[in-house]
Amino acid sequence: MDKSFRAFGSTLAAGGNGLLGHARDGVSGFFGKIRRNIVESGRKPVPTMIGFALAGFLMIAVIAVAVRPWFSETRRAADARTDLRGAPTILNRNTVILTILSVIAGLILFGFTGMYPTYLREGLHYTPKAAGFVASFYGAGALISIGGGWLGDRFSPRVVLSFAFFCMAGLGYLCFHGSDAIAPRAITACAYGAIGSGTIYVNLAAYHVKAVRSSLSSRASGMFVTSLYASAAGAGYLMGGIASHAGWAVAAEIQISLLSILAAGLALALRPAEMAL
């Protein structure tokens, strides 16, 4: 479903603002923060999850009544014009680079979200409540994804992704060094979410689709989802393994900072002129 939504939203906004995808990520960050707070507080999440489910049925009713056919039905003339931009095949320079960047992003983002609460508990001896409070600020930072997507539409992919990955390298270091106080940890976690999910994640998703012609948008979206979550599946295990042998600081320096620097350099090899921007 996530893949289909991204493909539809990005195709609809081909050559323009990918607002649907960015809004989806902002809302996901908001509800992710709520869910994490519920779990860490010890309250039973079942009634709240039922509430979310009922909200979904409400949205179905609103969409059925309010959304007009022209919003989702294709128009052949418009498709023909749009399909002239982007690579004619999924195997192209930009898609290959973006796929590698997505693999790296999966390791960086999910290594952090999976293991940072463990670091706070084991390394800094935070209580479960304090660790949950700090970790929830990652979701708060992800709320800027609409703004991060706007930057991606406004500026060159090389500039946006390289700058964002360089920022992640610095944030990866700061999150595992410095003061043990809660406030600085919450601020850095929020910044990590803003750059990671709010900028890198949403723009990688959009650039994958913009790298090819609109007729290949579903396959491009599938490349993004597969490459990102395939690496994400082992991100926490890898970071935990490094931490168990060399410590949390070294694990962050290798899996977050070093990989981010490599990704920033690789992003400079993109060719925006060959994308449907």
Protein backbone atom coordinates (compact mmCIF):
# COMPACT_ATOMS: atom_id res chain seq x y z
CA MET A 1 0.00 0.00 0.00
CA ASP A 2 2.82 2.37 0.88
CA LYS A 3 4.48 1.66 -2.45
CA SER A 4 1.26 2.23 -4.41
CA PHE A 5 0.53 5.49 -2.59
CA ARG A 6 4.02 6.79 -3.33
CA ALA A 7 3.84 5.82 -6.98
CA PHE A 8 0.43 7.44 -7.41
CA GLY A 9 1.35 10.62 -5.55
CA SER A 10 4.65 11.07 -7.32
CA THR A 11 3.14 10.38 -10.74
CA LEU A 12 0.36 12.84 -10.08
CA ALA A 13 2.91 15.46 -9.18
CA ALA A 14 5.43 14.63 -11.92
CA GLY A 15 7.51 17.66 -12.57
CA GLY A 16 6.04 19.45 -9.56
CA ASN A 17 5.66 19.27 -5.82
CA GLY A 18 5.34 15.73 -4.39
CA LEU A 19 3.02 16.99 -1.65
CA LEU A 20 1.14 13.72 -1.13
CA GLY A 21 4.23 11.75 -0.24
CA HIS A 22 5.63 14.47 2.00
CA ALA A 23 2.32 14.90 3.82
CA ARG A 24 2.09 11.13 4.34
CA ASP A 25 5.52 11.09 6.00
CA GLY A 26 4.68 14.03 8.22
CA VAL A 27 1.49 12.38 9.43
CA SER A 28 3.36 9.10 9.94
CA GLY A 29 5.87 10.90 12.13
CA PHE A 30 3.06 12.42 14.20
CA PHE A 31 1.25 9.14 14.83
CA GLY A 32 4.54 7.31 15.37
CA LYS A 33 5.31 9.75 18.18
CA ILE A 34 1.90 9.12 19.72
CA ARG A 35 2.30 5.34 19.51
CA ARG A 36 5.78 5.42 21.08
CA ASN A 37 4.53 7.58 23.95
CA ILE A 38 1.65 5.17 24.59
CA VAL A 39 3.93 2.15 24.70
CA GLU A 40 6.57 3.77 26.89
CA SER A 41 3.97 5.10 29.34
CA GLY A 42 2.76 1.58 30.04
CA ARG A 43 -0.83 2.22 28.96
CA LYS A 44 -2.61 -0.41 26.92
CA PRO A 45 -2.41 0.61 23.25
CA VAL A 46 -5.41 -1.44 22.10
CA PRO A 47 -8.15 1.23 22.58
CA THR A 48 -5.97 3.80 20.85
CA MET A 49 -5.27 1.47 17.94
CA ILE A 50 -9.02 0.88 17.57
CA GLY A 51 -9.44 4.66 17.46
CA PHE A 52 -6.86 4.90 14.67
CA ALA A 53 -8.67 2.13 12.77
CA LEU A 54 -12.01 3.95 13.07
CA ALA A 55 -10.30 7.12 11.85
CA GLY A 56 -9.23 5.14 8.79
CA PHE A 57 -12.82 4.17 8.00
CA LEU A 58 -13.81 7.82 8.42
CA MET A 59 -11.17 8.80 5.87
CA ILE A 60 -12.53 6.18 3.45
CA ALA A 61 -15.94 7.80 3.68
CA VAL A 62 -14.51 11.30 3.20
CA ILE A 63 -12.51 10.22 0.16
CA ALA A 64 -15.49 8.44 -1.38
CA VAL A 65 -17.59 11.59 -1.07
CA ALA A 66 -15.07 14.35 -1.68
CA VAL A 67 -12.46 13.06 -4.17
CA ARG A 68 -13.41 13.55 -7.81
CA PRO A 69 -12.49 11.11 -10.63
CA TRP A 70 -10.19 13.62 -12.35
CA PHE A 71 -7.88 13.46 -9.30
CA SER A 72 -6.90 9.83 -9.88
CA GLU A 73 -7.88 8.94 -13.43
CA THR A 74 -5.17 9.29 -16.05
CA ARG A 75 -5.34 11.67 -18.97
CA ARG A 76 -3.60 10.33 -22.01
CA ALA A 77 -2.47 13.67 -23.43
CA ALA A 78 -0.94 14.77 -20.14
CA ASP A 79 0.69 11.37 -19.67
CA ALA A 80 2.21 11.54 -23.14
CA ARG A 81 3.82 14.91 -22.42
CA THR A 82 5.03 13.92 -18.96
CA ASP A 83 6.45 10.61 -20.13
CA LEU A 84 8.99 12.35 -22.31
CA ARG A 85 11.07 13.24 -19.25
CA GLY A 86 13.22 10.87 -17.22
CA ALA A 87 15.12 7.74 -18.21
CA PRO A 88 13.34 5.29 -20.53
CA THR A 89 14.63 2.30 -18.57
CA ILE A 90 14.87 1.43 -14.89
CA LEU A 91 18.54 0.55 -15.35
CA ASN A 92 20.07 4.02 -15.57
CA ARG A 93 22.81 5.98 -13.81
CA ASN A 94 20.56 7.97 -11.48
CA THR A 95 18.45 5.00 -10.38
CA VAL A 96 21.54 2.92 -9.63
CA ILE A 97 23.00 5.72 -7.51
CA LEU A 98 19.69 6.35 -5.75
CA THR A 99 19.34 2.63 -5.00
CA ILE A 100 22.77 2.56 -3.35
CA LEU A 101 21.87 5.69 -1.39
CA SER A 102 18.63 4.03 -0.27
CA VAL A 103 20.54 1.00 1.00
CA ILE A 104 22.82 3.29 2.98
CA ALA A 105 19.85 5.31 4.24
CA GLY A 106 18.21 2.13 5.53
CA LEU A 107 21.31 1.33 7.58
CA ILE A 108 21.59 4.88 8.89
CA LEU A 109 17.95 5.57 9.72
CA PHE A 110 16.87 2.22 11.09
CA GLY A 111 20.14 1.52 12.85
CA PHE A 112 19.47 4.68 14.83
CA THR A 113 15.76 4.21 15.47
CA GLY A 114 16.26 0.57 16.39
CA MET A 115 19.25 0.93 18.70
CA TYR A 116 19.24 4.49 20.09
CA PRO A 117 16.72 3.68 22.86
CA THR A 118 18.90 0.69 23.79
CA TYR A 119 21.94 2.95 23.94
CA LEU A 120 20.07 5.38 26.18
CA ARG A 121 19.06 2.53 28.50
CA GLU A 122 22.32 0.59 28.59
CA GLY A 123 24.90 3.26 27.86
CA LEU A 124 23.45 6.25 29.70
CA HIS A 125 21.24 4.29 32.16
CA TYR A 126 18.07 6.18 31.31
CA THR A 127 14.78 4.95 32.71
CA PRO A 128 12.33 3.45 30.18
CA LYS A 129 10.21 6.59 30.43
CA ALA A 130 13.15 8.93 29.83
CA ALA A 131 14.44 6.84 26.92
CA GLY A 132 10.98 6.80 25.34
CA PHE A 133 10.67 10.56 25.80
CA VAL A 134 13.96 11.25 24.02
CA ALA A 135 13.38 8.72 21.25
CA SER A 136 9.93 10.15 20.52
CA PHE A 137 11.54 13.39 19.37
CA TYR A 138 12.74 11.57 16.27
CA GLY A 139 9.10 11.37 15.19
CA ALA A 140 8.61 15.04 16.06
CA GLY A 141 11.48 15.94 13.74
CA ALA A 142 9.95 13.88 10.94
CA LEU A 143 6.97 16.25 10.97
CA ILE A 144 8.96 18.69 8.81
CA SER A 145 8.83 16.25 5.89
CA ILE A 146 6.57 18.60 3.90
CA GLY A 147 9.23 21.30 4.24
CA GLY A 148 11.97 18.78 3.43
CA GLY A 149 10.07 17.73 0.33
CA TRP A 150 9.72 21.37 -0.70
CA LEU A 151 13.50 21.73 -0.51
CA GLY A 152 13.82 18.66 -2.70
CA ASP A 153 11.53 20.20 -5.31
CA ARG A 154 13.23 23.58 -5.09
CA PHE A 155 16.90 22.65 -5.26
CA SER A 156 19.12 20.19 -7.12
CA PRO A 157 19.08 16.55 -5.91
CA ARG A 158 22.86 16.69 -5.65
CA VAL A 159 22.72 19.67 -3.30
CA VAL A 160 19.82 18.42 -1.17
CA LEU A 161 21.01 14.84 -0.66
CA SER A 162 24.72 15.59 -0.26
CA PHE A 163 24.03 18.36 2.28
CA ALA A 164 21.52 16.19 4.17
CA PHE A 165 23.88 13.22 4.37
CA PHE A 166 26.72 15.46 5.58
CA CYS A 167 24.39 16.73 8.30
CA MET A 168 23.57 13.14 9.26
CA ALA A 169 27.28 12.42 9.65
CA GLY A 170 27.57 15.20 12.22
CA LEU A 171 24.33 14.32 13.98
CA GLY A 172 25.33 10.67 14.18
CA TYR A 173 28.42 11.74 16.11
CA LEU A 174 26.58 14.18 18.38
CA CYS A 175 23.85 11.68 19.30
CA PHE A 176 26.40 9.31 20.83
CA HIS A 177 28.76 11.89 22.36
CA GLY A 178 28.47 14.96 24.55
CA SER A 179 26.16 15.69 27.46
CA ASP A 180 24.12 12.94 29.09
CA ALA A 181 21.30 15.38 29.95
CA ILE A 182 17.86 14.71 28.49
CA ALA A 183 17.36 18.08 26.77
CA PRO A 184 20.44 17.91 24.46
CA ARG A 185 19.61 14.30 23.60
CA ALA A 186 16.04 15.23 22.71
CA ILE A 187 17.22 18.12 20.51
CA THR A 188 19.70 15.98 18.58
CA ALA A 189 17.12 13.18 18.17
CA CYS A 190 14.65 15.73 16.79
CA ALA A 191 17.26 17.06 14.35
CA TYR A 192 18.09 13.49 13.33
CA GLY A 193 14.43 12.85 12.52
CA ALA A 194 14.14 16.12 10.62
CA ILE A 195 17.13 15.38 8.40
CA GLY A 196 16.71 11.61 8.22
CA SER A 197 12.99 11.00 7.74
CA GLY A 198 12.01 14.60 7.00
CA THR A 199 14.53 15.22 4.23
CA ILE A 200 16.52 12.17 3.11
CA TYR A 201 13.71 9.61 3.21
CA VAL A 202 11.06 11.66 1.42
CA ASN A 203 13.41 12.97 -1.25
CA LEU A 204 14.93 9.58 -2.01
CA ALA A 205 11.39 8.33 -2.57
CA ALA A 206 10.57 11.25 -4.86
CA TYR A 207 13.85 11.19 -6.80
CA HIS A 208 13.50 7.48 -7.53
CA VAL A 209 10.25 8.22 -9.35
CA LYS A 210 11.56 11.36 -11.04
CA ALA A 211 14.61 9.50 -12.33
CA VAL A 212 12.46 7.55 -14.83
CA ARG A 213 9.51 8.18 -17.12
CA SER A 214 6.08 8.12 -15.55
CA SER A 215 5.25 4.75 -17.09
CA LEU A 216 8.00 3.27 -14.89
CA SER A 217 7.00 5.08 -11.69
CA SER A 218 5.65 1.96 -9.96
CA ARG A 219 8.82 0.01 -10.62
CA ALA A 220 10.96 2.93 -9.45
CA SER A 221 8.93 3.20 -6.25
CA GLY A 222 9.40 -0.53 -5.75
CA MET A 223 13.17 -0.11 -6.12
CA PHE A 224 13.14 2.49 -3.36
CA VAL A 225 11.04 0.45 -0.95
CA THR A 226 12.98 -2.77 -1.57
CA SER A 227 16.45 -1.26 -1.31
CA LEU A 228 15.68 0.82 1.79
CA TYR A 229 13.88 -1.83 3.82
CA ALA A 230 16.15 -4.69 2.78
CA SER A 231 19.06 -2.96 4.46
CA ALA A 232 16.83 -1.76 7.29
CA ALA A 233 16.09 -5.39 8.17
CA GLY A 234 19.66 -5.91 9.33
CA ALA A 235 20.50 -2.35 10.42
CA GLY A 236 19.83 -2.84 14.12
CA TYR A 237 21.61 -6.21 14.20
CA LEU A 238 24.68 -4.71 12.50
CA MET A 239 24.88 -1.71 14.80
CA GLY A 240 24.32 -3.85 17.87
CA GLY A 241 27.07 -6.21 16.73
CA ILE A 242 29.55 -3.39 16.27
CA ALA A 243 28.57 -1.88 19.62
CA SER A 244 29.08 -5.18 21.44
CA HIS A 245 32.66 -5.39 20.18
CA ALA A 246 33.80 -1.78 19.97
CA GLY A 247 31.28 0.31 21.93
CA TRP A 248 28.38 2.55 21.01
CA ALA A 249 30.51 5.53 19.98
CA VAL A 250 32.48 3.50 17.44
CA ALA A 251 29.31 1.85 16.14
CA ALA A 252 27.78 5.27 15.48
CA GLU A 253 30.95 6.58 13.86
CA ILE A 254 31.06 3.63 11.47
CA GLN A 255 27.43 2.92 10.64
CA ILE A 256 26.11 6.47 10.76
CA SER A 257 28.89 9.04 10.30
CA LEU A 258 31.16 7.14 7.92
CA LEU A 259 28.33 5.78 5.75
CA SER A 260 26.73 9.24 5.63
CA ILE A 261 29.95 10.79 4.35
CA LEU A 262 30.20 8.10 1.67
CA ALA A 263 26.58 8.72 0.68
CA ALA A 264 27.12 12.48 0.53
CA GLY A 265 29.99 12.01 -1.90
CA LEU A 266 28.01 9.54 -3.99
CA ALA A 267 25.04 11.93 -4.22
CA LEU A 268 27.27 14.41 -6.05
CA ALA A 269 27.44 11.94 -8.94
CA LEU A 270 23.71 12.31 -9.72
CA ARG A 271 22.70 13.92 -13.03
CA PRO A 272 19.66 16.16 -12.41
CA ALA A 273 19.47 17.06 -16.11
CA GLU A 274 18.40 13.48 -16.84
CA MET A 275 15.57 13.53 -14.28
CA ALA A 276 11.97 14.71 -14.57
CA LEU A 277 12.42 17.71 -12.28
